Amino acid sequence: MTDPHVHVEVNLVRAGADVRNLLARTFGLVADLPAEVATGCGQRVPRAMTSPRPASVTCLPCREYASEQHRRFADELETLFRMPGATVDGEDSARAVARHRDLAARFAGE
C-alpha cells in the first residue's frame, strides 16, 4: 500500500527554492533534485509527495516538524540579524522573521 499523505522535506527551511536560487545566482550552478527525499516524519518518499505549503501537507508528524523548523529558523534569524538594516536575500530581516513565524503558525494549525 502506498502512503496517501503529503509530507515535508526534512531540510524544509534550508533546501527550498529560495536557497537553490541564491546558489544559482552566486555560483551559476544548481544540483539536480533527488527523486526521493527524507521527510520530517522519518520516511523516504518521492519528492512529488512533498510540499512546503502548509495547506498541502496532510501528514500530522510532518506538520509538527515543519512548524518547529520554521519557529527555530525565525529564532535564528532574529539572533543573526539584530543589526539595523540587515537583509535576508533582499528581504528586510523583520519581514523574514515574521514570514517564518507565520508559516510555523500555519503548519501548527493556528
N, C-alpha and C. Protein backbone atom coordinates (compact mmCIF):
# COMPACT_ATOMS: atom_id res chain seq x y z
N MET A 1 0.84 -1.19 0.00
CA MET A 1 0.00 0.00 0.00
C MET A 1 0.89 1.25 0.00
N THR A 2 0.53 2.22 -0.78
CA THR A 2 1.31 3.45 -0.84
C THR A 2 0.78 4.46 0.17
N ASP A 3 1.66 5.32 0.61
CA ASP A 3 1.32 6.35 1.58
C ASP A 3 0.53 7.46 0.88
N PRO A 4 -0.70 7.74 1.31
CA PRO A 4 -1.51 8.75 0.63
C PRO A 4 -1.21 10.19 1.10
N HIS A 5 -0.35 10.34 2.10
CA HIS A 5 -0.13 11.67 2.69
C HIS A 5 0.89 12.49 1.91
N VAL A 6 0.74 13.81 2.03
CA VAL A 6 1.72 14.75 1.52
C VAL A 6 2.58 15.15 2.71
N HIS A 7 3.90 15.11 2.52
CA HIS A 7 4.87 15.32 3.60
C HIS A 7 5.65 16.61 3.38
N VAL A 8 6.56 16.91 4.34
CA VAL A 8 7.52 18.00 4.16
C VAL A 8 8.91 17.39 4.12
N GLU A 9 9.77 17.99 3.33
CA GLU A 9 11.15 17.53 3.23
C GLU A 9 11.87 17.85 4.54
N VAL A 10 12.78 16.98 4.95
CA VAL A 10 13.48 17.16 6.21
C VAL A 10 14.28 18.46 6.23
N ASN A 11 14.80 18.90 5.10
CA ASN A 11 15.55 20.16 5.01
C ASN A 11 14.64 21.28 4.53
N LEU A 12 13.44 21.29 4.99
CA LEU A 12 12.39 22.21 4.57
C LEU A 12 12.85 23.66 4.49
N VAL A 13 13.46 24.17 5.52
CA VAL A 13 13.80 25.59 5.59
C VAL A 13 15.01 25.93 4.72
N ARG A 14 15.98 25.04 4.68
CA ARG A 14 17.23 25.36 4.00
C ARG A 14 17.39 24.75 2.62
N ALA A 15 16.45 23.96 2.17
CA ALA A 15 16.59 23.30 0.87
C ALA A 15 15.53 23.74 -0.13
N GLY A 16 14.87 24.81 0.15
CA GLY A 16 13.80 25.27 -0.71
C GLY A 16 14.28 26.00 -1.95
N ALA A 17 13.35 26.47 -2.71
CA ALA A 17 13.64 27.18 -3.95
C ALA A 17 14.46 28.44 -3.70
N ASP A 18 14.21 29.13 -2.58
CA ASP A 18 14.97 30.35 -2.28
C ASP A 18 16.46 30.05 -2.17
N VAL A 19 16.80 28.95 -1.50
CA VAL A 19 18.20 28.59 -1.33
C VAL A 19 18.80 28.18 -2.67
N ARG A 20 18.07 27.37 -3.45
CA ARG A 20 18.58 26.97 -4.77
C ARG A 20 18.80 28.19 -5.66
N ASN A 21 17.87 29.14 -5.63
CA ASN A 21 18.02 30.35 -6.44
C ASN A 21 19.23 31.17 -6.00
N LEU A 22 19.44 31.29 -4.69
CA LEU A 22 20.60 32.02 -4.18
C LEU A 22 21.89 31.36 -4.64
N LEU A 23 21.97 30.03 -4.55
CA LEU A 23 23.16 29.32 -5.01
C LEU A 23 23.37 29.48 -6.51
N ALA A 24 22.29 29.43 -7.26
CA ALA A 24 22.40 29.59 -8.71
C ALA A 24 22.92 30.98 -9.07
N ARG A 25 22.41 32.00 -8.38
CA ARG A 25 22.87 33.37 -8.65
C ARG A 25 24.32 33.56 -8.21
N THR A 26 24.70 32.92 -7.13
CA THR A 26 26.05 33.09 -6.59
C THR A 26 27.09 32.32 -7.39
N PHE A 27 26.82 31.06 -7.67
CA PHE A 27 27.82 30.20 -8.29
C PHE A 27 27.51 29.80 -9.73
N GLY A 28 26.28 30.04 -10.17
CA GLY A 28 25.92 29.67 -11.53
C GLY A 28 25.65 28.19 -11.71
N LEU A 29 25.59 27.44 -10.63
CA LEU A 29 25.36 26.01 -10.70
C LEU A 29 24.25 25.60 -9.74
N VAL A 30 23.48 24.62 -10.16
CA VAL A 30 22.45 24.07 -9.28
C VAL A 30 22.46 22.56 -9.45
N ALA A 31 22.48 21.86 -8.34
CA ALA A 31 22.47 20.39 -8.39
C ALA A 31 21.10 19.88 -8.80
N ASP A 32 21.08 18.69 -9.39
CA ASP A 32 19.81 18.05 -9.71
C ASP A 32 19.08 17.71 -8.42
N LEU A 33 17.76 17.81 -8.46
CA LEU A 33 16.96 17.45 -7.29
C LEU A 33 16.82 15.94 -7.24
N PRO A 34 16.94 15.35 -6.04
CA PRO A 34 16.77 13.90 -5.93
C PRO A 34 15.31 13.51 -6.16
N ALA A 35 15.10 12.31 -6.66
CA ALA A 35 13.73 11.82 -6.91
C ALA A 35 13.03 11.47 -5.61
N GLU A 36 13.82 11.05 -4.61
CA GLU A 36 13.27 10.64 -3.33
C GLU A 36 13.95 11.43 -2.22
N VAL A 37 13.18 11.84 -1.20
CA VAL A 37 13.73 12.67 -0.12
C VAL A 37 13.31 12.14 1.25
N ALA A 38 14.10 12.49 2.26
CA ALA A 38 13.74 12.20 3.65
C ALA A 38 12.70 13.23 4.09
N THR A 39 11.78 12.79 4.95
CA THR A 39 10.71 13.67 5.39
C THR A 39 10.81 13.95 6.89
N GLY A 40 10.04 14.94 7.32
CA GLY A 40 10.02 15.32 8.73
C GLY A 40 9.53 14.22 9.65
N CYS A 41 8.78 13.26 9.13
CA CYS A 41 8.27 12.15 9.95
C CYS A 41 9.18 10.93 9.90
N GLY A 42 10.32 11.05 9.19
CA GLY A 42 11.28 9.96 9.17
C GLY A 42 11.17 8.99 8.01
N GLN A 43 10.26 9.22 7.09
CA GLN A 43 10.12 8.33 5.93
C GLN A 43 10.95 8.85 4.76
N ARG A 44 11.07 8.05 3.73
CA ARG A 44 11.62 8.47 2.44
C ARG A 44 10.48 8.33 1.44
N VAL A 45 10.19 9.41 0.75
CA VAL A 45 9.08 9.41 -0.20
C VAL A 45 9.51 10.11 -1.49
N PRO A 46 8.78 9.90 -2.59
CA PRO A 46 9.08 10.64 -3.81
C PRO A 46 8.92 12.15 -3.56
N ARG A 47 9.81 12.94 -4.14
CA ARG A 47 9.76 14.40 -3.97
C ARG A 47 8.37 14.94 -4.33
N ALA A 48 7.72 14.31 -5.29
CA ALA A 48 6.39 14.76 -5.72
C ALA A 48 5.35 14.65 -4.60
N MET A 49 5.66 13.87 -3.56
CA MET A 49 4.73 13.71 -2.43
C MET A 49 5.08 14.62 -1.26
N THR A 50 5.83 15.70 -1.54
CA THR A 50 6.18 16.68 -0.51
C THR A 50 5.73 18.06 -0.94
N SER A 51 5.58 18.93 0.04
CA SER A 51 5.20 20.31 -0.25
C SER A 51 5.70 21.22 0.87
N PRO A 52 6.12 22.44 0.54
CA PRO A 52 6.50 23.40 1.57
C PRO A 52 5.30 24.24 2.04
N ARG A 53 4.13 24.02 1.42
CA ARG A 53 2.94 24.83 1.73
C ARG A 53 2.09 24.17 2.80
N PRO A 54 1.80 24.87 3.89
CA PRO A 54 1.02 24.29 4.99
C PRO A 54 -0.32 23.70 4.56
N ALA A 55 -1.01 24.33 3.64
CA ALA A 55 -2.33 23.86 3.23
C ALA A 55 -2.27 22.52 2.50
N SER A 56 -1.11 22.16 1.97
CA SER A 56 -0.98 20.92 1.19
C SER A 56 -0.52 19.73 2.02
N VAL A 57 0.13 19.96 3.14
CA VAL A 57 0.72 18.87 3.93
C VAL A 57 -0.36 18.18 4.77
N THR A 58 -0.50 16.87 4.57
CA THR A 58 -1.53 16.11 5.28
C THR A 58 -0.96 15.18 6.35
N CYS A 59 0.34 14.99 6.40
CA CYS A 59 0.98 14.15 7.41
C CYS A 59 1.14 14.97 8.69
N LEU A 60 0.46 14.57 9.75
CA LEU A 60 0.49 15.34 11.00
C LEU A 60 1.88 15.43 11.63
N PRO A 61 2.66 14.35 11.70
CA PRO A 61 4.03 14.49 12.23
C PRO A 61 4.88 15.46 11.39
N CYS A 62 4.68 15.46 10.09
CA CYS A 62 5.42 16.39 9.23
C CYS A 62 4.98 17.83 9.49
N ARG A 63 3.70 18.04 9.74
CA ARG A 63 3.21 19.39 10.05
C ARG A 63 3.85 19.90 11.34
N GLU A 64 3.91 19.02 12.36
CA GLU A 64 4.55 19.40 13.63
C GLU A 64 6.03 19.70 13.42
N TYR A 65 6.69 18.85 12.63
CA TYR A 65 8.10 19.05 12.34
C TYR A 65 8.32 20.39 11.62
N ALA A 66 7.52 20.67 10.61
CA ALA A 66 7.67 21.91 9.84
C ALA A 66 7.42 23.13 10.71
N SER A 67 6.43 23.05 11.58
CA SER A 67 6.14 24.17 12.47
C SER A 67 7.35 24.46 13.36
N GLU A 68 7.91 23.42 13.93
CA GLU A 68 9.08 23.59 14.81
C GLU A 68 10.28 24.12 14.02
N GLN A 69 10.51 23.61 12.81
CA GLN A 69 11.64 24.07 12.00
C GLN A 69 11.51 25.54 11.63
N HIS A 70 10.33 25.98 11.24
CA HIS A 70 10.13 27.39 10.90
C HIS A 70 10.27 28.27 12.14
N ARG A 71 9.78 27.79 13.27
CA ARG A 71 9.91 28.56 14.52
C ARG A 71 11.39 28.70 14.90
N ARG A 72 12.14 27.61 14.81
CA ARG A 72 13.58 27.67 15.13
C ARG A 72 14.33 28.58 14.16
N PHE A 73 13.99 28.49 12.88
CA PHE A 73 14.67 29.33 11.89
C PHE A 73 14.38 30.80 12.13
N ALA A 74 13.15 31.13 12.51
CA ALA A 74 12.81 32.52 12.84
C ALA A 74 13.65 33.00 14.02
N ASP A 75 13.81 32.14 15.02
CA ASP A 75 14.64 32.49 16.18
C ASP A 75 16.09 32.73 15.76
N GLU A 76 16.62 31.86 14.88
CA GLU A 76 17.98 32.03 14.38
C GLU A 76 18.14 33.34 13.62
N LEU A 77 17.16 33.66 12.78
CA LEU A 77 17.22 34.91 12.02
C LEU A 77 17.22 36.11 12.96
N GLU A 78 16.39 36.06 13.99
CA GLU A 78 16.37 37.17 14.95
C GLU A 78 17.73 37.36 15.60
N THR A 79 18.37 36.26 15.93
CA THR A 79 19.69 36.34 16.57
C THR A 79 20.75 36.85 15.59
N LEU A 80 20.73 36.33 14.38
CA LEU A 80 21.75 36.68 13.39
C LEU A 80 21.62 38.10 12.85
N PHE A 81 20.41 38.58 12.76
CA PHE A 81 20.19 39.86 12.08
C PHE A 81 19.69 40.94 13.04
N ARG A 82 20.36 41.07 14.16
CA ARG A 82 19.99 42.13 15.12
C ARG A 82 20.51 43.49 14.70
N MET A 83 21.43 43.53 13.76
CA MET A 83 21.97 44.82 13.34
C MET A 83 20.96 45.57 12.48
N PRO A 84 20.90 46.89 12.61
CA PRO A 84 19.94 47.69 11.84
C PRO A 84 20.19 47.57 10.33
N GLY A 85 19.10 47.48 9.59
CA GLY A 85 19.19 47.45 8.13
C GLY A 85 19.60 46.13 7.54
N ALA A 86 19.69 45.09 8.37
CA ALA A 86 20.09 43.77 7.86
C ALA A 86 19.01 43.23 6.93
N THR A 87 19.46 42.52 5.90
CA THR A 87 18.52 41.92 4.95
C THR A 87 18.82 40.45 4.78
N VAL A 88 17.83 39.69 4.36
CA VAL A 88 17.97 38.28 4.05
C VAL A 88 17.62 38.15 2.58
N ASP A 89 18.65 38.04 1.72
CA ASP A 89 18.45 37.94 0.28
C ASP A 89 17.52 39.05 -0.22
N GLY A 90 17.77 40.28 0.25
CA GLY A 90 17.00 41.43 -0.19
C GLY A 90 15.74 41.68 0.61
N GLU A 91 15.40 40.77 1.51
CA GLU A 91 14.18 40.91 2.31
C GLU A 91 14.58 41.49 3.68
N ASP A 92 13.83 42.46 4.15
CA ASP A 92 14.06 43.01 5.48
C ASP A 92 14.05 41.88 6.49
N SER A 93 15.00 41.90 7.43
CA SER A 93 15.12 40.79 8.38
C SER A 93 13.86 40.62 9.22
N ALA A 94 13.23 41.70 9.63
CA ALA A 94 12.00 41.59 10.42
C ALA A 94 10.90 40.91 9.61
N ARG A 95 10.84 41.21 8.32
CA ARG A 95 9.84 40.58 7.46
C ARG A 95 10.12 39.10 7.29
N ALA A 96 11.40 38.73 7.16
CA ALA A 96 11.76 37.32 7.03
C ALA A 96 11.39 36.55 8.30
N VAL A 97 11.66 37.14 9.45
CA VAL A 97 11.30 36.50 10.73
C VAL A 97 9.79 36.33 10.81
N ALA A 98 9.05 37.39 10.47
CA ALA A 98 7.59 37.33 10.53
C ALA A 98 7.04 36.27 9.57
N ARG A 99 7.65 36.15 8.40
CA ARG A 99 7.19 35.16 7.41
C ARG A 99 7.36 33.74 7.96
N HIS A 100 8.51 33.47 8.59
CA HIS A 100 8.74 32.12 9.13
C HIS A 100 7.87 31.86 10.36
N ARG A 101 7.61 32.87 11.17
CA ARG A 101 6.71 32.69 12.31
C ARG A 101 5.28 32.41 11.81
N ASP A 102 4.88 33.09 10.73
CA ASP A 102 3.56 32.84 10.15
C ASP A 102 3.47 31.41 9.61
N LEU A 103 4.50 30.96 8.92
CA LEU A 103 4.50 29.58 8.41
C LEU A 103 4.46 28.58 9.56
N ALA A 104 5.18 28.85 10.65
CA ALA A 104 5.15 27.97 11.81
C ALA A 104 3.74 27.87 12.37
N ALA A 105 3.06 29.00 12.47
CA ALA A 105 1.69 29.01 13.00
C ALA A 105 0.74 28.27 12.06
N ARG A 106 0.90 28.47 10.75
CA ARG A 106 0.02 27.81 9.79
C ARG A 106 0.23 26.30 9.79
N PHE A 107 1.47 25.83 9.91
CA PHE A 107 1.72 24.39 9.99
C PHE A 107 1.14 23.82 11.27
N ALA A 108 1.14 24.62 12.34
CA ALA A 108 0.58 24.16 13.62
C ALA A 108 -0.94 24.24 13.64
N GLY A 109 -1.53 24.82 12.60
CA GLY A 109 -2.98 24.92 12.52
C GLY A 109 -3.54 26.09 13.32
N GLU A 110 -2.70 27.04 13.64
CA GLU A 110 -3.12 28.22 14.41
C GLU A 110 -3.74 29.26 13.51
